[in-house]
Amino acid sequence: MTTPIYYVNDAPHVGHAYTTLHADISARWNRLKRNEVFFLTGTDEHGLKIAEAAEKLGISPQELTDSTSRRFKDAWNQLGIKYDDFIRTTEPRHIETVNAFTQKIYDAGYIVKDTWEGLYCISCESNYIESELENGMCPIHKRPVEKVKEDNYFFKLSQFEDRLLKFYEDNPKFIEPETKFNEALSFIKSGLKDISVTRSSFDWGITVPWDHSQVFYVWFEALINYVTALGYSSDPDRFNRLWPNTVHMIGKEITRFHCIWWPAMCMAAGINPPSKILVHGWLLVGGEKMSKTSLNKIDPVDLVDEFGLDQFRYLLVKGSPFGPDSEFSYEELKRRNNSDLANNLGNLLSRVLAVVNSKCDSITPKVDTDSILKPAADLAVESAKENWDNFSPANALEAIWNLLRATNAYLETNEPWKGEPGEKVNKVLGDSLEVLRIAAVLISPVMPTSAAEILTRIGLTNYLDDVSLSDDLGWGQYPGGFQIKKDAPLFNRIK
C-alpha cells in the first residue's frame, strides 16, 4: 500500500493527511486480517520548485528537504500513521534504483534525445498544452505557466499506446473508481505523445547515468520510489514477491502520471504495472482545492490538538467519502463529533457500564446467543467487511454506526436502568456489551486507541492482539464476568 510521496516545498496539510490516513486504515485492516502488509509513504525532494524555494530562504536544497521531510514524518507520527517505510528521493538507495531502472529503459531504446518546447507550471512541476490551461493559467494552481525550450531526453510514451489499451481492457478494475478509469482510458485513446523526462536548466535532481549534463525530471524519477522501497535493485526476491500486489492511493490531480506514465514506464523496464490504483477527489474549502498555494491549507496537527487523535481520524474519514470531491468544514467536524462519537458510541459505552455498575455489582453479564440485536450485528459485520475490503471506509463506518444506533434504541426501549437486577436486565446489558465488542474490533483500523480502550473497559484488555476476523466477529462470544468501573467519558462534546 502506497501514498504519493509528498512534495517538500512546504508543510503537510489536511489534504495530505486525507490520503495518508486512508492508506493507513487500509493497511491496518489488512493487518487485522493477518495479511502481510508493507505500507510505504515518503517525500519527493527534487525539482526546480525546491531549488527556487531554497534559494529564497537562503539555504541549500538539501537543508530545505531535510527540514520539511522531517515535518511530514512528525505529522504522520502525530496522526497515528503506522507506516513500514518512509522513503526520501534524496536517499542513496533511490538514486541507485533510478539509475538501474532508467538505464534498462534507455538500453531498450525507449529513451532518446530531442528538443523540448512547451508550457510548464513550476508549482506542480508539470507540462501543459494550451487547451489544458484555464485563461492561460495552470488549471490546478491558477498561476501563469512558463514557456520552456531545451534539449533533453524523451520517453517514448507513444510506443505504449496499444499496450496500455490492451492492459486496460484486460484489467477493468485497475483504476477505481470507474470514472477515473474511463478518464485515463479516454486520454490514452486520444493519442499519446512522447514526454520529456530530463532537464538541463538546473541541477537539483538525480543525474542521468549516461549523460551527466542532465538531471531527471522530478515526476519521472519520483514514480520510481515505489520499486526502490521494495528492493528493485537490492533485493530482487523480495521485490518479485511484493510488487505484484501493490496498491497505489493517489489524488485525482496526479492520475496522468500514475495511470498512464507509470504503467508504460514499468512495461518499458520489463515489469508489470501495479495491481491497482485508487483515486480520490479533492478536499474543498469554500469550493476550492486545499493546497499550499491557495492559502486555505489547514494543519492536521492543529485539529488533532482540538478534537483528539482518534476523533480526528474518524471525522476526516467519515465526513469525506473516498472518491468524489468533499467539502471540508470545521462546523461539520464539530457536529459529527458530537452526534456520532459523543452521543452514539460514547454515550452507549457510558450508559451500559453505568447500569452494570448499579444493577450488576460492577460484574458484566455474558451475551445471550439469542438476541434481537443479532441480525443487525450480522448485517453490520458483513457490510463493514465488504466495505473495508473495497476501500470504502466511510461506508464501513456507516454500517457500524447503524448497529450502534440500533443498540441505543434497544436500550431506550428496555430501559435497564429502571429494572430490577436479574435476568431481564442482564440480557439487555449482555447484548449491548457484545455490540461494543464487535464494534470496537470493526472500528479499530480508524480508531485504534479508542477501540482498545472500549475493549479494556468491558474487560477485554489486549483483545485486538489475537483477534481473528473469521472467528471472533460472530454473535454470542462476549463471556461476561469482568469487573468494571465507571470512567471518564470516552469522547467529549465540543461546544
Protein backbone atom coordinates (compact mmCIF):
# COMPACT_ATOMS: atom_id res chain seq x y z
CA MET A 1 0.00 0.00 0.00
CA THR A 2 1.46 3.33 -1.04
CA THR A 3 0.65 7.01 -0.79
CA PRO A 4 2.10 9.53 -3.20
CA ILE A 5 5.39 10.89 -1.98
CA TYR A 6 4.65 14.46 -0.95
CA TYR A 7 6.46 17.47 -2.33
CA VAL A 8 8.56 19.21 0.31
CA ASN A 9 8.29 22.85 -0.71
CA ASP A 10 6.02 23.45 2.30
CA ALA A 11 4.48 21.76 5.35
CA PRO A 12 1.82 18.99 5.33
CA HIS A 13 -1.86 19.97 5.29
CA VAL A 14 -5.15 18.12 5.73
CA GLY A 15 -5.23 17.18 2.04
CA HIS A 16 -2.02 15.18 2.53
CA ALA A 17 -3.41 13.72 5.75
CA TYR A 18 -6.56 12.57 3.92
CA THR A 19 -4.63 10.33 1.51
CA THR A 20 -2.19 9.07 4.12
CA LEU A 21 -4.91 8.29 6.65
CA HIS A 22 -6.91 6.27 4.12
CA ALA A 23 -3.81 4.27 3.23
CA ASP A 24 -3.07 3.73 6.92
CA ILE A 25 -6.63 2.50 7.53
CA SER A 26 -6.42 0.04 4.65
CA ALA A 27 -3.05 -1.22 5.89
CA ARG A 28 -4.43 -1.66 9.42
CA TRP A 29 -7.48 -3.52 8.13
CA ASN A 30 -5.31 -5.93 6.18
CA ARG A 31 -3.05 -6.47 9.20
CA LEU A 32 -6.21 -7.25 11.18
CA LYS A 33 -6.99 -9.88 8.53
CA ARG A 34 -3.49 -11.30 9.18
CA ASN A 35 -2.32 -10.38 5.70
CA GLU A 36 1.32 -9.42 5.24
CA VAL A 37 1.36 -5.66 4.73
CA PHE A 38 4.06 -3.24 3.58
CA PHE A 39 2.87 0.37 3.85
CA LEU A 40 5.02 3.00 2.14
CA THR A 41 4.91 6.78 2.27
CA GLY A 42 7.57 9.47 1.93
CA THR A 43 8.66 12.74 0.37
CA ASP A 44 9.55 13.93 -3.12
CA GLU A 45 12.59 16.19 -2.86
CA HIS A 46 13.97 17.20 -6.27
CA GLY A 47 12.96 19.66 -8.96
CA LEU A 48 13.05 23.33 -9.88
CA LYS A 49 10.40 24.33 -7.33
CA ILE A 50 12.56 23.02 -4.46
CA ALA A 51 15.65 24.76 -5.78
CA GLU A 52 13.82 28.08 -6.06
CA ALA A 53 12.20 27.77 -2.63
CA ALA A 54 15.58 27.03 -1.03
CA GLU A 55 17.18 29.98 -2.80
CA LYS A 56 14.50 32.33 -1.45
CA LEU A 57 15.23 31.08 2.08
CA GLY A 58 18.98 31.41 1.61
CA ILE A 59 19.64 27.72 2.31
CA SER A 60 20.65 24.71 0.25
CA PRO A 61 18.01 22.47 -1.32
CA GLN A 62 19.20 19.61 0.88
CA GLU A 63 18.73 21.69 4.03
CA LEU A 64 15.20 22.58 2.91
CA THR A 65 14.27 18.99 2.13
CA ASP A 66 15.75 17.70 5.40
CA SER A 67 13.66 20.17 7.37
CA THR A 68 10.36 19.73 5.54
CA SER A 69 10.61 15.95 5.22
CA ARG A 70 11.02 15.82 8.99
CA ARG A 71 7.79 17.81 9.35
CA PHE A 72 5.92 15.19 7.31
CA LYS A 73 7.33 12.41 9.49
CA ASP A 74 6.37 14.29 12.63
CA ALA A 75 2.85 14.95 11.33
CA TRP A 76 2.28 11.29 10.43
CA ASN A 77 3.51 10.17 13.84
CA GLN A 78 1.10 12.60 15.50
CA LEU A 79 -1.74 11.28 13.32
CA GLY A 80 -1.02 7.68 14.33
CA ILE A 81 0.12 6.66 10.84
CA LYS A 82 1.72 3.22 11.15
CA TYR A 83 3.87 3.09 8.02
CA ASP A 84 6.52 0.44 7.39
CA ASP A 85 8.85 2.64 5.36
CA PHE A 86 9.31 6.36 4.78
CA ILE A 87 11.25 6.97 1.59
CA ARG A 88 13.03 10.15 0.51
CA THR A 89 14.07 10.65 -3.10
CA THR A 90 17.42 12.12 -1.99
CA GLU A 91 18.41 8.81 -0.38
CA PRO A 92 21.25 6.80 -1.97
CA ARG A 93 19.00 3.73 -2.32
CA HIS A 94 16.60 5.70 -4.52
CA ILE A 95 19.35 7.20 -6.65
CA GLU A 96 20.78 3.71 -7.17
CA THR A 97 17.38 2.33 -8.21
CA VAL A 98 16.63 5.24 -10.54
CA ASN A 99 19.94 4.65 -12.30
CA ALA A 100 19.23 0.92 -12.71
CA PHE A 101 15.58 1.35 -13.72
CA THR A 102 16.15 4.16 -16.25
CA GLN A 103 19.25 2.52 -17.69
CA LYS A 104 17.14 -0.51 -18.52
CA ILE A 105 14.58 1.68 -20.31
CA TYR A 106 17.36 3.55 -22.14
CA ASP A 107 19.09 0.34 -23.20
CA ALA A 108 15.77 -0.94 -24.56
CA GLY A 109 15.61 2.11 -26.84
CA TYR A 110 12.66 3.85 -25.16
CA ILE A 111 14.58 6.99 -24.13
CA VAL A 112 16.03 9.25 -26.85
CA LYS A 113 17.44 12.77 -27.02
CA ASP A 114 15.43 15.58 -28.62
CA THR A 115 14.43 19.22 -28.16
CA TRP A 116 11.51 20.04 -25.89
CA GLU A 117 9.50 23.21 -26.16
CA GLY A 118 6.31 23.74 -24.21
CA LEU A 119 4.37 25.24 -21.32
CA TYR A 120 5.47 24.42 -17.79
CA CYS A 121 3.96 25.05 -14.34
CA ILE A 122 6.67 25.24 -11.70
CA SER A 123 4.16 24.84 -8.84
CA CYS A 124 3.06 21.36 -9.93
CA GLU A 125 6.23 20.56 -11.94
CA SER A 126 4.02 19.63 -14.88
CA ASN A 127 3.92 20.20 -18.63
CA TYR A 128 0.74 21.52 -20.27
CA ILE A 129 -0.64 22.13 -23.72
CA GLU A 130 -2.61 25.29 -24.50
CA SER A 131 -6.01 23.57 -24.44
CA GLU A 132 -5.45 22.34 -20.87
CA LEU A 133 -4.98 25.83 -19.43
CA GLU A 134 -7.72 27.93 -17.88
CA ASN A 135 -7.47 31.53 -19.07
CA GLY A 136 -3.81 30.89 -19.76
CA MET A 137 -3.24 29.66 -16.21
CA CYS A 138 -2.36 26.30 -14.66
CA PRO A 139 -5.74 24.61 -14.01
CA ILE A 140 -4.62 23.44 -10.55
CA HIS A 141 -2.59 26.33 -9.15
CA LYS A 142 -4.25 29.20 -11.07
CA ARG A 143 -0.82 30.65 -11.86
CA PRO A 144 0.81 31.60 -15.16
CA VAL A 145 2.81 28.89 -16.89
CA GLU A 146 6.23 29.44 -18.40
CA LYS A 147 7.38 28.79 -21.95
CA VAL A 148 10.38 26.49 -21.88
CA LYS A 149 12.72 25.24 -24.62
CA GLU A 150 15.72 22.96 -24.06
CA ASP A 151 17.49 19.88 -25.34
CA ASN A 152 16.83 16.83 -23.20
CA TYR A 153 15.74 13.20 -23.25
CA PHE A 154 12.29 11.88 -24.10
CA PHE A 155 10.49 8.74 -23.03
CA LYS A 156 8.74 7.13 -25.99
CA LEU A 157 5.32 7.04 -24.38
CA SER A 158 3.65 6.97 -27.80
CA GLN A 159 5.00 3.46 -28.40
CA PHE A 160 2.96 2.13 -25.48
CA GLU A 161 -0.46 3.32 -26.60
CA ASP A 162 -1.63 -0.08 -27.86
CA ARG A 163 -0.09 -1.97 -24.95
CA LEU A 164 -1.78 0.34 -22.44
CA LEU A 165 -5.14 -0.05 -24.17
CA LYS A 166 -4.75 -3.83 -24.05
CA PHE A 167 -3.74 -3.68 -20.39
CA TYR A 168 -6.80 -1.58 -19.54
CA GLU A 169 -9.02 -3.99 -21.45
CA ASP A 170 -7.58 -6.96 -19.55
CA ASN A 171 -7.74 -5.20 -16.16
CA PRO A 172 -11.06 -3.31 -15.90
CA LYS A 173 -10.58 -2.82 -12.13
CA PHE A 174 -7.05 -1.44 -12.50
CA ILE A 175 -8.23 2.07 -11.55
CA GLU A 176 -11.06 2.82 -9.16
CA PRO A 177 -13.49 4.49 -9.14
CA GLU A 178 -14.69 3.63 -12.63
CA THR A 179 -14.99 7.30 -13.61
CA LYS A 180 -11.22 7.72 -13.21
CA PHE A 181 -10.58 4.52 -15.15
CA ASN A 182 -12.67 5.91 -18.02
CA GLU A 183 -10.91 9.30 -17.89
CA ALA A 184 -7.49 7.68 -18.15
CA LEU A 185 -8.69 5.35 -20.91
CA SER A 186 -10.07 8.30 -22.90
CA PHE A 187 -6.76 10.12 -22.55
CA ILE A 188 -4.90 7.12 -23.98
CA LYS A 189 -7.38 6.77 -26.84
CA SER A 190 -6.92 10.44 -27.74
CA GLY A 191 -3.31 9.65 -28.64
CA LEU A 192 -0.13 9.65 -26.58
CA LYS A 193 2.89 11.82 -27.24
CA ASP A 194 6.46 11.25 -26.14
CA ILE A 195 7.30 13.05 -22.91
CA SER A 196 10.36 15.00 -21.82
CA VAL A 197 11.98 13.25 -18.85
CA THR A 198 15.18 15.19 -18.16
CA ARG A 199 16.21 18.82 -17.58
CA SER A 200 19.43 20.70 -18.27
CA SER A 201 18.45 24.16 -16.96
CA PHE A 202 19.03 23.30 -13.28
CA ASP A 203 20.94 20.65 -11.35
CA TRP A 204 18.81 19.81 -8.27
CA GLY A 205 17.91 16.30 -9.32
CA ILE A 206 19.27 12.83 -9.99
CA THR A 207 21.94 12.92 -12.67
CA VAL A 208 21.19 10.92 -15.81
CA PRO A 209 23.64 7.98 -15.70
CA TRP A 210 24.51 8.12 -19.42
CA ASP A 211 24.65 11.95 -19.66
CA HIS A 212 25.85 13.91 -16.63
CA SER A 213 24.80 17.23 -18.15
CA GLN A 214 21.17 16.37 -17.45
CA VAL A 215 19.04 15.53 -14.39
CA PHE A 216 15.82 13.56 -14.43
CA TYR A 217 12.51 15.38 -14.50
CA VAL A 218 11.19 15.20 -10.96
CA TRP A 219 7.99 13.31 -11.77
CA PHE A 220 9.78 10.71 -13.84
CA GLU A 221 12.24 9.72 -11.14
CA ALA A 222 9.81 10.19 -8.25
CA LEU A 223 7.47 7.48 -9.56
CA ILE A 224 10.32 5.01 -9.29
CA ASN A 225 10.25 5.34 -5.48
CA TYR A 226 7.63 2.57 -5.36
CA VAL A 227 10.05 -0.03 -6.67
CA THR A 228 13.01 1.42 -4.75
CA ALA A 229 11.34 0.65 -1.42
CA LEU A 230 10.58 -2.95 -2.42
CA GLY A 231 14.19 -3.69 -3.35
CA TYR A 232 14.10 -3.49 -7.16
CA SER A 233 17.89 -3.17 -7.41
CA SER A 234 18.90 -4.52 -3.99
CA ASP A 235 16.59 -7.45 -3.14
CA PRO A 236 15.03 -8.97 -6.28
CA ASP A 237 13.41 -11.88 -4.42
CA ARG A 238 11.56 -9.53 -2.10
CA PHE A 239 10.63 -7.25 -4.99
CA ASN A 240 9.25 -10.11 -7.08
CA ARG A 241 7.16 -11.32 -4.12
CA LEU A 242 5.63 -7.98 -3.13
CA TRP A 243 5.39 -5.92 -6.33
CA PRO A 244 2.53 -7.91 -7.98
CA ASN A 245 0.25 -6.97 -5.04
CA THR A 246 0.97 -3.24 -4.96
CA VAL A 247 -1.90 -0.76 -4.49
CA HIS A 248 -1.28 2.95 -5.10
CA MET A 249 -3.52 5.53 -3.44
CA ILE A 250 -3.45 8.96 -5.09
CA GLY A 251 -5.33 12.24 -5.55
CA LYS A 252 -7.08 12.88 -8.84
CA GLU A 253 -4.67 15.64 -9.94
CA ILE A 254 -1.86 13.11 -10.49
CA THR A 255 -3.78 10.42 -12.40
CA ARG A 256 -1.94 11.07 -15.66
CA PHE A 257 1.43 10.37 -14.07
CA HIS A 258 0.33 7.26 -12.18
CA CYS A 259 -2.25 5.77 -14.52
CA ILE A 260 -0.53 6.37 -17.87
CA TRP A 261 3.12 7.28 -17.48
CA TRP A 262 3.91 4.84 -14.69
CA PRO A 263 2.38 1.70 -16.26
CA ALA A 264 4.21 2.50 -19.50
CA MET A 265 7.48 3.02 -17.63
CA CYS A 266 7.03 -0.35 -15.92
CA MET A 267 6.39 -2.03 -19.26
CA ALA A 268 9.48 -0.37 -20.73
CA ALA A 269 11.59 -1.63 -17.82
CA GLY A 270 10.25 -5.16 -18.22
CA ILE A 271 7.98 -5.39 -15.16
CA ASN A 272 4.20 -5.45 -14.82
CA PRO A 273 2.30 -2.33 -13.69
CA PRO A 274 1.00 -2.23 -10.11
CA SER A 275 -2.13 -4.24 -9.36
CA LYS A 276 -4.46 -1.34 -8.54
CA ILE A 277 -4.65 2.45 -8.36
CA LEU A 278 -7.21 4.08 -6.06
CA VAL A 279 -8.05 7.70 -6.94
CA HIS A 280 -9.77 10.13 -4.61
CA GLY A 281 -11.11 13.62 -5.12
CA TRP A 282 -10.08 16.87 -3.51
CA LEU A 283 -10.88 18.26 -0.10
CA LEU A 284 -12.51 21.61 -0.82
CA VAL A 285 -12.57 24.64 1.44
CA GLY A 286 -15.15 27.14 0.28
CA GLY A 287 -15.35 25.28 -3.03
CA GLU A 288 -11.59 25.46 -3.72
CA LYS A 289 -8.99 22.68 -3.59
CA MET A 290 -7.00 22.70 -0.38
CA SER A 291 -3.39 23.45 -1.27
CA LYS A 292 -0.31 25.34 -0.19
CA THR A 293 -0.68 27.95 -2.91
CA SER A 294 -4.37 28.81 -2.35
CA LEU A 295 -3.78 29.88 1.28
CA ASN A 296 -6.57 27.57 2.53
CA LYS A 297 -4.27 24.86 3.88
CA ILE A 298 -5.12 23.52 7.32
CA ASP A 299 -2.59 21.89 9.64
CA PRO A 300 -3.95 18.45 10.62
CA VAL A 301 -1.99 18.53 13.89
CA ASP A 302 -3.99 21.60 14.98
CA LEU A 303 -7.20 19.60 14.52
CA VAL A 304 -5.78 16.65 16.45
CA ASP A 305 -4.97 19.03 19.30
CA GLU A 306 -8.55 20.30 19.32
CA PHE A 307 -10.57 17.12 18.69
CA GLY A 308 -8.24 14.33 19.78
CA LEU A 309 -6.35 11.84 17.63
CA ASP A 310 -8.94 9.12 17.10
CA GLN A 311 -11.72 11.67 16.83
CA PHE A 312 -9.87 13.49 14.04
CA ARG A 313 -9.18 10.23 12.22
CA TYR A 314 -12.85 9.26 12.38
CA LEU A 315 -14.17 12.70 11.47
CA LEU A 316 -11.94 13.13 8.43
CA VAL A 317 -12.73 9.68 7.03
CA LYS A 318 -16.45 9.59 7.80
CA GLY A 319 -17.17 13.11 6.59
CA SER A 320 -15.24 12.83 3.31
CA PRO A 321 -16.05 9.56 1.46
CA PHE A 322 -13.19 8.23 -0.65
CA GLY A 323 -13.68 9.01 -4.36
CA PRO A 324 -15.57 12.25 -5.01
CA ASP A 325 -14.62 15.80 -4.03
CA SER A 326 -15.68 16.65 -0.47
CA GLU A 327 -16.29 19.97 1.23
CA PHE A 328 -14.17 20.30 4.35
CA SER A 329 -15.82 22.23 7.17
CA TYR A 330 -14.87 22.80 10.78
CA GLU A 331 -18.53 23.10 11.71
CA GLU A 332 -19.24 19.70 10.16
CA LEU A 333 -16.37 18.15 12.12
CA LYS A 334 -17.81 19.55 15.33
CA ARG A 335 -21.35 18.39 14.54
CA ARG A 336 -20.24 14.87 13.68
CA ASN A 337 -18.03 14.67 16.76
CA ASN A 338 -20.99 15.48 19.00
CA SER A 339 -23.54 13.28 17.21
CA ASP A 340 -21.55 10.22 16.14
CA LEU A 341 -18.88 9.99 18.80
CA ALA A 342 -20.14 11.66 21.97
CA ASN A 343 -23.86 10.87 21.57
CA ASN A 344 -23.84 7.48 19.86
CA LEU A 345 -20.69 5.50 20.65
CA GLY A 346 -19.52 7.33 23.76
CA ASN A 347 -22.95 7.53 25.33
CA LEU A 348 -23.65 3.85 24.61
CA LEU A 349 -20.48 2.80 26.40
CA SER A 350 -21.11 5.13 29.36
CA ARG A 351 -24.73 4.06 29.83
CA VAL A 352 -24.02 0.34 29.63
CA LEU A 353 -21.15 0.50 32.12
CA ALA A 354 -23.14 2.75 34.46
CA VAL A 355 -26.00 0.24 34.60
CA VAL A 356 -23.59 -2.71 35.01
CA ASN A 357 -22.14 -0.78 37.92
CA SER A 358 -25.51 -0.05 39.55
CA LYS A 359 -27.50 -3.21 38.74
CA CYS A 360 -24.90 -5.98 38.48
CA ASP A 361 -22.44 -5.15 41.27
CA SER A 362 -19.98 -4.00 38.57
CA ILE A 363 -19.72 -7.53 37.09
CA THR A 364 -20.55 -7.72 33.37
CA PRO A 365 -23.23 -10.21 32.23
CA LYS A 366 -22.48 -12.52 29.33
CA VAL A 367 -24.20 -12.17 25.97
CA ASP A 368 -27.37 -14.10 25.14
CA THR A 369 -26.85 -16.10 21.96
CA ASP A 370 -30.48 -15.44 21.03
CA SER A 371 -30.90 -11.67 20.73
CA ILE A 372 -33.00 -9.22 18.79
CA LEU A 373 -29.72 -7.43 18.01
CA LYS A 374 -28.09 -10.44 16.34
CA PRO A 375 -29.45 -9.78 12.79
CA ALA A 376 -28.36 -6.14 12.98
CA ALA A 377 -24.92 -7.18 14.21
CA ASP A 378 -24.52 -9.82 11.49
CA LEU A 379 -25.52 -7.27 8.85
CA ALA A 380 -23.10 -4.68 10.22
CA VAL A 381 -20.22 -7.17 10.25
CA GLU A 382 -20.76 -8.32 6.67
CA SER A 383 -21.30 -4.79 5.35
CA ALA A 384 -18.29 -3.41 7.19
CA LYS A 385 -16.04 -6.24 5.99
CA GLU A 386 -17.15 -5.76 2.39
CA ASN A 387 -16.59 -2.02 2.51
CA TRP A 388 -13.20 -2.28 4.21
CA ASP A 389 -12.13 -4.75 1.51
CA ASN A 390 -13.42 -2.42 -1.22
CA PHE A 391 -11.59 0.65 0.12
CA SER A 392 -14.80 2.36 1.27
CA PRO A 393 -14.10 3.21 4.91
CA ALA A 394 -16.88 5.82 5.19
CA ASN A 395 -19.43 3.16 4.21
CA ALA A 396 -17.85 0.65 6.61
CA LEU A 397 -18.19 3.15 9.43
CA GLU A 398 -21.81 3.89 8.50
CA ALA A 399 -22.61 0.17 8.74
CA ILE A 400 -21.08 0.07 12.24
CA TRP A 401 -22.92 3.20 13.35
CA ASN A 402 -26.22 1.72 12.16
CA LEU A 403 -25.60 -1.07 14.67
CA LEU A 404 -24.72 1.41 17.41
CA ARG A 405 -27.91 3.40 16.75
CA ALA A 406 -29.96 0.20 16.85
CA THR A 407 -28.38 -0.70 20.18
CA ASN A 408 -29.09 2.71 21.67
CA ALA A 409 -32.72 2.32 20.56
CA TYR A 410 -32.76 -1.16 22.16
CA LEU A 411 -31.61 0.37 25.44
CA GLU A 412 -34.24 3.12 25.25
CA THR A 413 -36.96 0.54 24.67
CA ASN A 414 -35.92 -1.75 27.53
CA GLU A 415 -34.64 0.88 30.00
CA PRO A 416 -32.44 -1.46 32.05
CA TRP A 417 -31.58 1.41 34.41
CA LYS A 418 -35.20 1.23 35.65
CA GLY A 419 -35.38 -2.55 36.01
CA GLU A 420 -34.71 -4.74 38.99
CA PRO A 421 -31.44 -6.66 38.97
CA GLY A 422 -31.94 -10.03 37.35
CA GLU A 423 -32.23 -11.97 34.13
CA LYS A 424 -34.01 -9.34 32.04
CA VAL A 425 -31.54 -6.59 32.87
CA ASN A 426 -28.61 -8.96 32.39
CA LYS A 427 -29.84 -9.91 28.92
CA VAL A 428 -30.11 -6.29 27.76
CA LEU A 429 -26.68 -5.43 29.13
CA GLY A 430 -25.02 -8.61 27.82
CA ASP A 431 -26.37 -7.93 24.34
CA SER A 432 -25.14 -4.33 24.48
CA LEU A 433 -21.70 -5.39 25.67
CA GLU A 434 -21.50 -7.83 22.75
CA VAL A 435 -22.26 -4.97 20.35
CA LEU A 436 -19.49 -2.91 21.92
CA ARG A 437 -17.07 -5.84 21.50
CA ILE A 438 -17.91 -6.29 17.82
CA ALA A 439 -17.99 -2.57 17.06
CA ALA A 440 -14.63 -1.98 18.74
CA VAL A 441 -12.94 -4.58 16.52
CA LEU A 442 -14.53 -3.13 13.37
CA ILE A 443 -13.58 0.49 14.13
CA SER A 444 -10.02 -0.33 15.16
CA PRO A 445 -8.44 0.48 11.76
CA VAL A 446 -9.73 4.06 12.08
CA MET A 447 -9.74 4.50 15.86
CA PRO A 448 -7.15 2.06 17.24
CA THR A 449 -6.69 3.74 20.64
CA SER A 450 -10.42 4.18 21.27
CA ALA A 451 -11.15 0.61 20.16
CA ALA A 452 -8.59 -0.76 22.61
CA GLU A 453 -9.97 1.45 25.39
CA ILE A 454 -13.55 0.29 24.78
CA LEU A 455 -12.43 -3.34 24.94
CA THR A 456 -10.41 -2.68 28.10
CA ARG A 457 -13.40 -1.04 29.79
CA ILE A 458 -15.57 -4.09 29.12
CA GLY A 459 -12.88 -6.45 30.41
CA LEU A 460 -11.15 -7.47 27.18
CA THR A 461 -7.69 -5.96 27.62
CA ASN A 462 -5.30 -6.64 24.71
CA TYR A 463 -8.14 -8.34 22.82
CA LEU A 464 -7.05 -6.90 19.47
CA ASP A 465 -3.65 -8.58 19.71
CA ASP A 466 -5.08 -12.01 18.89
CA VAL A 467 -8.45 -11.29 17.32
CA SER A 468 -9.46 -13.31 14.25
CA LEU A 469 -11.89 -11.68 11.84
CA SER A 470 -13.06 -15.05 10.60
CA ASP A 471 -13.68 -16.49 14.08
CA ASP A 472 -14.31 -13.65 16.51
CA LEU A 473 -16.93 -11.42 14.87
CA GLY A 474 -19.81 -13.83 15.10
CA TRP A 475 -22.58 -13.04 17.60
CA GLY A 476 -22.52 -14.64 21.04
CA GLN A 477 -18.88 -14.56 22.15
CA TYR A 478 -18.76 -11.95 24.93
CA PRO A 479 -18.06 -14.09 28.02
CA GLY A 480 -19.02 -11.65 30.77
CA GLY A 481 -17.79 -12.00 34.32
CA PHE A 482 -15.49 -8.97 34.27
CA GLN A 483 -15.40 -6.33 36.97
CA ILE A 484 -15.69 -2.83 35.62
CA LYS A 485 -15.62 0.67 37.00
CA LYS A 486 -17.10 3.88 35.70
CA ASP A 487 -14.59 6.11 33.96
CA ALA A 488 -14.49 9.49 32.26
CA PRO A 489 -16.46 9.82 29.00
CA LEU A 490 -14.56 8.40 26.07
CA PHE A 491 -15.41 11.36 23.83
CA ASN A 492 -16.06 14.96 24.80
CA ARG A 493 -18.70 17.13 23.24
CA ILE A 494 -17.39 20.31 21.64
CA LYS A 495 -19.42 23.42 22.39
